[in-house]
Protein backbone atom coordinates (compact mmCIF):
# COMPACT_ATOMS: atom_id res chain seq x y z
CA UNK A 1 10.96 26.51 57.43
CA UNK A 2 7.97 24.20 57.16
CA UNK A 3 6.21 26.69 54.87
CA UNK A 4 9.31 26.91 52.68
CA UNK A 5 9.63 23.13 52.53
CA UNK A 6 5.95 22.80 51.62
CA UNK A 7 6.30 25.45 48.92
CA UNK A 8 9.37 23.72 47.46
CA UNK A 9 7.58 20.39 47.54
CA UNK A 10 4.63 21.81 45.59
CA UNK A 11 6.95 23.42 43.05
CA UNK A 12 8.71 20.07 42.55
CA UNK A 13 5.36 18.30 42.11
CA UNK A 14 4.10 20.85 39.57
CA UNK A 15 7.39 20.68 37.65
CA UNK A 16 7.24 16.88 37.58
CA UNK A 17 3.65 16.92 36.32
CA UNK A 18 4.55 19.45 33.62
CA UNK A 19 7.48 17.35 32.45
CA UNK A 20 5.35 14.20 32.48
CA UNK A 21 2.61 15.85 30.41
CA UNK A 22 5.09 17.30 27.94
CA UNK A 23 6.77 13.91 27.60
CA UNK A 24 3.48 12.11 26.95
CA UNK A 25 3.58 10.43 23.55
CA UNK A 26 1.59 11.91 20.68
CA UNK A 27 -1.47 9.72 19.97
CA UNK A 28 -0.68 7.52 17.00
CA UNK A 29 -1.83 4.56 14.96
CA UNK A 30 0.74 1.79 14.58
CA UNK A 31 0.81 -0.30 11.43
CA UNK A 32 2.92 -2.90 9.66
CA UNK A 33 3.89 -2.89 6.01
CA UNK A 34 4.35 -6.14 4.09
CA UNK A 35 6.74 -6.08 1.12
CA UNK A 36 8.37 -7.96 -1.68
CA UNK A 37 11.99 -8.68 -0.78
CA UNK A 38 13.05 -8.84 -4.42
CA UNK A 39 15.21 -5.72 -4.20
CA UNK A 40 16.36 -4.06 -0.96
CA UNK A 41 13.47 -4.79 1.40
CA UNK A 42 14.26 -7.07 4.33
CA UNK A 43 10.73 -8.01 5.36
CA UNK A 44 8.01 -6.46 7.53
CA UNK A 45 8.31 -2.79 8.56
CA UNK A 46 6.66 -0.83 11.39
CA UNK A 47 5.37 2.73 10.90
CA UNK A 48 3.43 5.20 13.05
CA UNK A 49 0.73 7.57 11.82
CA UNK A 50 0.29 10.74 13.88
CA UNK A 51 -3.39 10.71 14.90
CA UNK A 52 -3.51 14.52 14.99
CA UNK A 53 -1.79 15.40 11.71
CA UNK A 54 -1.82 12.21 9.65
CA UNK A 55 1.96 12.40 9.15
CA UNK A 56 3.87 9.15 8.79
CA UNK A 57 7.01 8.30 10.75
CA UNK A 58 10.14 6.78 9.30
CA UNK A 59 9.91 2.99 9.14
CA UNK A 60 11.73 0.46 11.32
CA UNK A 61 12.30 -3.20 10.56
CA UNK A 62 9.88 -5.32 12.60
CA UNK A 63 10.89 -8.74 11.24
CA UNK A 64 13.33 -9.99 8.65
CA UNK A 65 11.43 -12.50 6.52
CA UNK A 66 11.13 -13.35 2.79
CA UNK A 67 8.32 -11.86 0.68
CA UNK A 68 5.73 -11.11 3.42
CA UNK A 69 3.32 -9.84 0.78
CA UNK A 70 0.17 -10.07 2.87
CA UNK A 71 -0.31 -9.84 6.63
CA UNK A 72 -3.08 -10.67 9.11
CA UNK A 73 -3.56 -9.86 12.78
CA UNK A 74 -4.88 -12.47 15.23
CA UNK A 75 -8.17 -11.47 16.95
CA UNK A 76 -6.33 -11.28 20.30
CA UNK A 77 -3.84 -8.78 18.86
CA UNK A 78 -0.98 -10.95 20.15
CA UNK A 79 0.12 -12.60 16.90
CA UNK A 80 0.75 -11.64 13.27
CA UNK A 81 0.79 -13.98 10.30
CA UNK A 82 2.61 -13.34 7.04
CA UNK A 83 2.83 -14.97 3.66
CA UNK A 84 6.11 -16.49 2.59
CA UNK A 85 5.01 -16.09 -0.98
CA UNK A 86 7.67 -17.77 -3.12
CA UNK A 87 8.16 -21.54 -3.23
CA UNK A 88 11.11 -22.82 -1.22
CA UNK A 89 14.35 -23.28 -3.15
CA UNK A 90 16.41 -24.98 -0.46
CA UNK A 91 17.20 -28.60 -1.43
CA UNK A 92 15.08 -30.89 0.70
CA UNK A 93 13.03 -27.95 2.03
CA UNK A 94 9.24 -27.61 2.09
CA UNK A 95 7.49 -27.59 -1.27
CA UNK A 96 5.53 -24.50 -2.32
CA UNK A 97 4.61 -21.34 -0.47
CA UNK A 98 4.20 -21.09 3.29
CA UNK A 99 2.76 -19.09 6.19
CA UNK A 100 4.88 -17.66 9.01
CA UNK A 101 3.61 -16.95 12.53
CA UNK A 102 5.03 -14.18 14.75
CA UNK A 103 4.45 -13.09 18.33
CA UNK A 104 3.75 -9.35 18.53
CA UNK A 105 5.27 -7.06 21.16
CA UNK A 106 2.79 -4.19 20.92
CA UNK A 107 4.99 -1.90 23.04
CA UNK A 108 7.95 -2.09 20.66
CA UNK A 109 6.20 -3.16 17.41
CA UNK A 110 8.67 -6.02 17.11
CA UNK A 111 7.83 -9.48 15.81
CA UNK A 112 9.35 -12.71 17.12
CA UNK A 113 9.18 -15.75 14.80
CA UNK A 114 7.14 -18.67 16.11
CA UNK A 115 7.00 -21.18 13.26
CA UNK A 116 6.49 -21.74 9.55
CA UNK A 117 4.11 -24.13 7.80
CA UNK A 118 4.12 -25.03 4.11
CA UNK A 119 0.95 -25.15 2.02
CA UNK A 120 2.36 -28.09 0.11
CA UNK A 121 1.16 -26.41 -3.06
CA UNK A 122 1.78 -23.29 -5.09
CA UNK A 123 3.07 -19.91 -4.00
CA UNK A 124 0.68 -18.11 -1.63
CA UNK A 125 -1.19 -14.87 -2.34
CA UNK A 126 -3.63 -13.92 0.43
CA UNK A 127 -4.66 -15.04 3.90
CA UNK A 128 -7.40 -14.51 6.51
CA UNK A 129 -7.98 -15.56 10.13
CA UNK A 130 -11.40 -16.61 11.38
CA UNK A 131 -13.12 -14.63 14.17
CA UNK A 132 -12.36 -17.25 16.83
CA UNK A 133 -8.64 -17.21 16.06
CA UNK A 134 -8.53 -20.98 15.57
CA UNK A 135 -8.24 -21.21 11.78
CA UNK A 136 -6.11 -19.55 9.12
CA UNK A 137 -7.05 -19.73 5.45
CA UNK A 138 -4.89 -18.95 2.46
CA UNK A 139 -5.01 -19.10 -1.33
CA UNK A 140 -2.57 -19.58 -4.18
CA UNK A 141 -2.96 -17.37 -7.25
CA UNK A 142 -0.39 -19.31 -9.27
CA UNK A 143 -1.87 -22.74 -8.56
CA UNK A 144 -5.56 -21.93 -7.97
CA UNK A 145 -5.60 -23.61 -4.56
CA UNK A 146 -7.25 -23.00 -1.17
CA UNK A 147 -5.69 -24.29 2.07
CA UNK A 148 -6.44 -24.09 5.79
CA UNK A 149 -4.36 -24.36 8.95
CA UNK A 150 -5.34 -24.78 12.62
CA UNK A 151 -4.00 -22.13 15.01
CA UNK A 152 -2.87 -23.06 18.51
CA UNK A 153 -3.38 -20.99 21.67
CA UNK A 154 0.30 -19.96 21.67
CA UNK A 155 -0.09 -18.50 18.17
CA UNK A 156 1.71 -21.28 16.34
CA UNK A 157 0.44 -22.76 13.10
CA UNK A 158 -0.56 -26.40 12.93
CA UNK A 159 0.10 -28.53 9.84
CA UNK A 160 -2.03 -27.88 6.76
CA UNK A 161 -5.53 -29.33 7.04
CA UNK A 162 -7.93 -28.65 4.13
CA UNK A 163 -6.58 -28.49 0.57
CA UNK A 164 -8.86 -27.60 -2.34
CA UNK A 165 -7.90 -27.33 -6.01
CA UNK A 166 -10.05 -24.97 -8.09
CA UNK A 167 -11.37 -26.18 -11.44
CA UNK A 168 -14.02 -24.94 -13.83
CA UNK A 169 -14.62 -23.10 -17.09
CA UNK A 170 -12.10 -20.34 -17.72
CA UNK A 171 -13.00 -16.75 -18.52
CA UNK A 172 -12.59 -15.25 -22.00
CA UNK A 173 -9.27 -13.45 -21.36
CA UNK A 174 -6.75 -16.00 -22.58
CA UNK A 175 -3.77 -14.04 -21.20
CA UNK A 176 -4.98 -13.53 -17.63
CA UNK A 177 -7.49 -16.37 -17.40
CA UNK A 178 -5.39 -19.25 -18.73
CA UNK A 179 -5.78 -21.40 -15.57
CA UNK A 180 -7.46 -21.10 -12.14
CA UNK A 181 -6.18 -18.15 -10.06
CA UNK A 182 -7.56 -18.10 -6.51
CA UNK A 183 -6.80 -14.54 -5.43
CA UNK A 184 -8.25 -13.88 -1.96
CA UNK A 185 -10.28 -15.30 0.91
CA UNK A 186 -12.90 -13.35 2.92
CA UNK A 187 -14.76 -14.62 6.01
CA UNK A 188 -18.48 -13.92 6.37
CA UNK A 189 -19.55 -11.76 9.35
CA UNK A 190 -21.04 -14.81 11.12
CA UNK A 191 -17.79 -16.78 10.59
CA UNK A 192 -19.66 -19.64 8.90
CA UNK A 193 -18.51 -19.16 5.31
CA UNK A 194 -15.26 -18.42 3.50
CA UNK A 195 -15.51 -16.68 0.13
CA UNK A 196 -12.67 -17.21 -2.36
CA UNK A 197 -12.37 -14.96 -5.42
CA UNK A 198 -10.92 -16.71 -8.48
CA UNK A 199 -9.74 -14.24 -11.12
CA UNK A 200 -9.60 -16.76 -13.97
CA UNK A 201 -12.91 -18.54 -13.36
CA UNK A 202 -14.98 -15.33 -12.91
CA UNK A 203 -16.41 -16.86 -9.75
CA UNK A 204 -16.35 -16.18 -6.02
CA UNK A 205 -16.59 -19.59 -4.37
CA UNK A 206 -18.46 -20.23 -1.11
CA UNK A 207 -17.04 -22.71 1.43
CA UNK A 208 -18.46 -23.73 4.77
CA UNK A 209 -15.95 -23.30 7.60
CA UNK A 210 -15.68 -25.43 10.73
CA UNK A 211 -13.36 -23.16 12.71
CA UNK A 212 -12.80 -25.71 15.47
CA UNK A 213 -11.05 -28.07 13.05
CA UNK A 214 -10.00 -25.60 10.30
CA UNK A 215 -12.08 -27.62 7.83
CA UNK A 216 -13.43 -26.20 4.57
CA UNK A 217 -16.20 -27.88 2.56
CA UNK A 218 -17.91 -26.61 -0.62
CA UNK A 219 -21.20 -24.81 -0.03
CA UNK A 220 -24.35 -25.11 -2.09
CA UNK A 221 -24.75 -22.97 -4.14
CA UNK A 222 -21.03 -23.17 -4.78
CA UNK A 223 -20.28 -19.69 -6.09
CA UNK A 224 -21.32 -16.21 -7.23
CA UNK A 225 -20.71 -15.62 -10.94
CA UNK A 226 -19.24 -12.27 -11.99
CA UNK A 227 -19.44 -10.92 -15.58
CA UNK A 228 -17.28 -12.81 -18.10
CA UNK A 229 -13.75 -11.43 -18.12
CA UNK A 230 -14.27 -9.37 -14.95
CA UNK A 231 -11.54 -11.15 -13.00
CA UNK A 232 -12.65 -11.10 -9.31
CA UNK A 233 -9.74 -10.26 -6.99
CA UNK A 234 -10.75 -9.11 -3.47
CA UNK A 235 -14.05 -8.75 -1.59
CA UNK A 236 -15.63 -7.18 1.50
CA UNK A 237 -18.91 -7.46 3.43
CA UNK A 238 -21.00 -4.49 4.48
CA UNK A 239 -21.01 -3.77 8.22
CA UNK A 240 -24.50 -5.22 8.68
CA UNK A 241 -23.71 -8.30 6.55
CA UNK A 242 -26.56 -7.64 4.12
CA UNK A 243 -24.33 -6.87 1.14
CA UNK A 244 -21.16 -8.33 -0.35
CA UNK A 245 -18.84 -6.36 -2.64
CA UNK A 246 -16.49 -8.01 -5.13
CA UNK A 247 -13.64 -6.05 -6.71
CA UNK A 248 -12.91 -7.19 -10.25
CA UNK A 249 -9.30 -6.62 -11.30
CA UNK A 250 -9.36 -7.12 -15.06
CA UNK A 251 -12.27 -4.89 -16.06
CA UNK A 252 -11.95 -2.44 -13.14
CA UNK A 253 -15.43 -2.84 -11.63
CA UNK A 254 -17.14 -3.61 -8.34
CA UNK A 255 -19.97 -6.14 -8.26
CA UNK A 256 -22.42 -5.37 -5.45
CA UNK A 257 -24.36 -8.40 -4.22
CA UNK A 258 -27.27 -9.01 -1.87
CA UNK A 259 -26.19 -11.54 0.75
CA UNK A 260 -28.26 -14.34 2.26
CA UNK A 261 -26.43 -15.07 5.51
CA UNK A 262 -28.51 -18.13 6.37
CA UNK A 263 -27.38 -20.03 3.28
CA UNK A 264 -24.13 -18.28 2.37
CA UNK A 265 -25.59 -17.15 -0.92
CA UNK A 266 -24.91 -13.99 -2.94
CA UNK A 267 -27.00 -12.41 -5.68
CA UNK A 268 -25.39 -9.75 -7.95
CA UNK A 269 -27.23 -6.42 -7.94
CA UNK A 270 -24.95 -3.92 -9.67
CA UNK A 271 -21.66 -3.54 -11.56
CA UNK A 272 -20.00 -0.14 -11.34
CA UNK A 273 -16.69 1.06 -12.80
CA UNK A 274 -13.81 2.11 -10.54
CA UNK A 275 -12.37 4.28 -13.34
CA UNK A 276 -13.38 7.55 -15.05
CA UNK A 277 -15.68 7.10 -18.04
CA UNK A 278 -13.09 8.54 -20.44
CA UNK A 279 -10.18 6.40 -19.21
CA UNK A 280 -9.00 3.77 -21.68
CA UNK A 281 -7.71 0.52 -20.19
CA UNK A 282 -4.46 -0.33 -21.95
CA UNK A 283 -3.60 -3.49 -20.00
CA UNK A 284 -5.37 -5.92 -17.69
CA UNK A 285 -3.66 -5.02 -14.40
CA UNK A 286 -6.14 -2.61 -12.87
CA UNK A 287 -8.09 -2.69 -9.63
CA UNK A 288 -6.19 -3.93 -6.57
CA UNK A 289 -7.75 -3.41 -3.11
CA UNK A 290 -11.21 -2.77 -1.65
CA UNK A 291 -12.08 -1.44 1.82
CA UNK A 292 -15.22 -0.25 3.63
CA UNK A 293 -15.12 2.72 6.00
CA UNK A 294 -15.77 1.92 9.70
CA UNK A 295 -18.88 4.14 9.58
CA UNK A 296 -20.25 1.77 6.88
CA UNK A 297 -21.17 4.65 4.57
CA UNK A 298 -18.31 4.55 2.06
CA UNK A 299 -16.37 2.04 -0.03
CA UNK A 300 -12.84 2.60 -1.37
CA UNK A 301 -10.94 0.95 -4.24
CA UNK A 302 -7.39 1.38 -5.54
CA UNK A 303 -6.60 1.44 -9.27
CA UNK A 304 -3.18 0.56 -10.62
CA UNK A 305 -2.30 2.00 -14.04
CA UNK A 306 -4.66 4.90 -13.44
CA UNK A 307 -2.93 5.25 -10.02
CA UNK A 308 -5.97 6.44 -8.13
CA UNK A 309 -8.37 5.71 -5.31
CA UNK A 310 -12.07 5.57 -6.12
CA UNK A 311 -14.57 6.54 -3.42
CA UNK A 312 -18.17 5.30 -3.44
CA UNK A 313 -21.17 6.06 -1.24
CA UNK A 314 -23.11 2.99 -0.07
CA UNK A 315 -26.90 3.10 -0.10
CA UNK A 316 -27.79 1.42 3.23
CA UNK A 317 -31.16 0.26 1.91
CA UNK A 318 -30.29 -1.14 -1.52
CA UNK A 319 -26.55 -1.72 -1.18
CA UNK A 320 -25.98 0.12 -4.46
CA UNK A 321 -22.86 2.24 -4.94
CA UNK A 322 -22.61 5.81 -6.20
CA UNK A 323 -19.28 7.32 -7.26
CA UNK A 324 -18.14 10.16 -4.97
CA UNK A 325 -14.70 10.86 -6.44
CA UNK A 326 -11.67 9.28 -8.10
CA UNK A 327 -8.52 10.94 -6.77
CA UNK A 328 -4.76 10.48 -7.41
CA UNK A 329 -3.25 7.96 -4.98
CA UNK A 330 0.07 9.79 -4.52
CA UNK A 331 2.34 7.18 -6.10
CA UNK A 332 2.66 4.43 -8.68
CA UNK A 333 0.78 1.11 -8.53
CA UNK A 334 -1.37 1.40 -5.35
CA UNK A 335 -1.53 -2.32 -4.71
CA UNK A 336 -2.82 -1.97 -1.16
CA UNK A 337 -4.20 0.59 1.29
CA UNK A 338 -5.98 0.60 4.64
CA UNK A 339 -8.07 2.87 6.86
CA UNK A 340 -7.26 3.56 10.50
CA UNK A 341 -9.63 1.79 12.94
CA UNK A 342 -11.40 5.11 13.63
CA UNK A 343 -11.73 5.87 9.91
CA UNK A 344 -10.02 9.26 10.18
CA UNK A 345 -7.04 8.43 7.96
CA UNK A 346 -6.13 6.28 4.96
CA UNK A 347 -2.62 5.02 4.15
CA UNK A 348 -1.78 3.91 0.60
CA UNK A 349 1.18 1.70 -0.38
CA UNK A 350 2.68 2.12 -3.86
CA UNK A 351 4.53 -0.96 -5.07
CA UNK A 352 6.25 0.60 -8.08
CA UNK A 353 7.34 3.89 -6.50
CA UNK A 354 8.55 2.35 -3.20
CA UNK A 355 6.46 4.78 -1.18
CA UNK A 356 3.57 5.31 1.22
CA UNK A 357 1.44 8.39 1.77
CA UNK A 358 -1.56 9.29 3.91
CA UNK A 359 -4.93 10.98 3.43
CA UNK A 360 -7.41 12.63 5.77
CA UNK A 361 -10.90 11.13 5.39
CA UNK A 362 -13.98 13.33 5.58
CA UNK A 363 -16.46 11.25 7.64
CA UNK A 364 -19.45 13.09 6.18
CA UNK A 365 -18.59 12.81 2.46
CA UNK A 366 -15.94 10.07 2.33
CA UNK A 367 -13.65 12.34 0.31
CA UNK A 368 -9.88 12.17 0.70
CA UNK A 369 -7.40 15.00 1.29
CA UNK A 370 -3.74 14.21 0.68
CA UNK A 371 -1.36 14.84 3.59
CA UNK A 372 1.95 16.32 2.32
CA UNK A 373 4.98 14.03 2.29
CA UNK A 374 5.79 10.39 1.65
CA UNK A 375 7.97 7.74 3.28
CA UNK A 376 10.12 5.21 1.46
CA UNK A 377 9.82 1.44 1.85
CA UNK A 378 10.95 -0.90 -0.95
CA UNK A 379 8.08 -2.56 -2.82
CA UNK A 380 5.31 -2.12 -0.20
CA UNK A 381 2.27 -4.29 -0.93
CA UNK A 382 0.28 -4.58 2.32
CA UNK A 383 -0.82 -2.17 5.09
CA UNK A 384 -2.00 -3.70 8.39
CA UNK A 385 -3.19 -1.44 11.22
CA UNK A 386 -2.90 -2.84 14.74
CA UNK A 387 -5.83 -2.71 17.17
């Protein structure tokens, strides 16, 4: 009887282990999608990417919130911040755009609202969080403004601190460069400088950051100049901090710069097109997003209008870029895309076709291979992978 009981006990244990292993979740990468809520979108959506196949899951609503067009993750991974892009319309409400703070439940991918703070200026366009998690910076495209907010330990936003209005000589494109348009903010690897691309002024401004007080002050020299009419939009640093890459929206180019970390100074080295040589630009709404692969060997850019992703190899010695390929993005108007933290996959969001698709990334060549299938999310404009 004891032998039978022991045998049955072992069978039960083996069965339990088998069921547990079969029920183990498939490894995945979780990410949020920011949207425009102009049509049927309700806010921020959560999606999973299968880490084995690259397939995307159906989306779920993570937070109902207006126009969360750009998102940022706190360094602790506990909080998410979203733009509230449009100015408030409620009588007596806050003036201008705002930032919203959310607590993140990583187990359920749900977001709980914490608070909202107004910029007190124009509608907001882009945001970034410093490496210490104590300061949040944002810019206004419509008003050409830069603002900063302190962040508290509980994830809440403090009242607006620094407020800077861009001024300066406008670029030659009188349609797109009719007034200052601060388009993005990028923190330097050492967390000492904030770089703000202004599309209308053809400049990327350098500001010193005191993260303890969320204070921004102009640096000297004050900016990097891009070619006239280039229209700088977004930027990224190389992994080693020696080079700085500026994506120019209007003329569809990348300006590669040498970077002096000690002084927060950039020196342009190269301008390279993100489009095929035979492609004719018919409007000025071109390049959108720029990313660098985690292995530091490749740089990626999305092109609206041409609806493609350009892949470049980075020379680790000179910082110069060489075109690898320009491949269809899988939808219309690829405003934003992101790479998984391990660099194995890329997800692209298509604003005008209400869709997302994924690509496998070859770590040796940087080339992209489209994964079959798309998912639908209304007007997706930001992809944020969670750590």
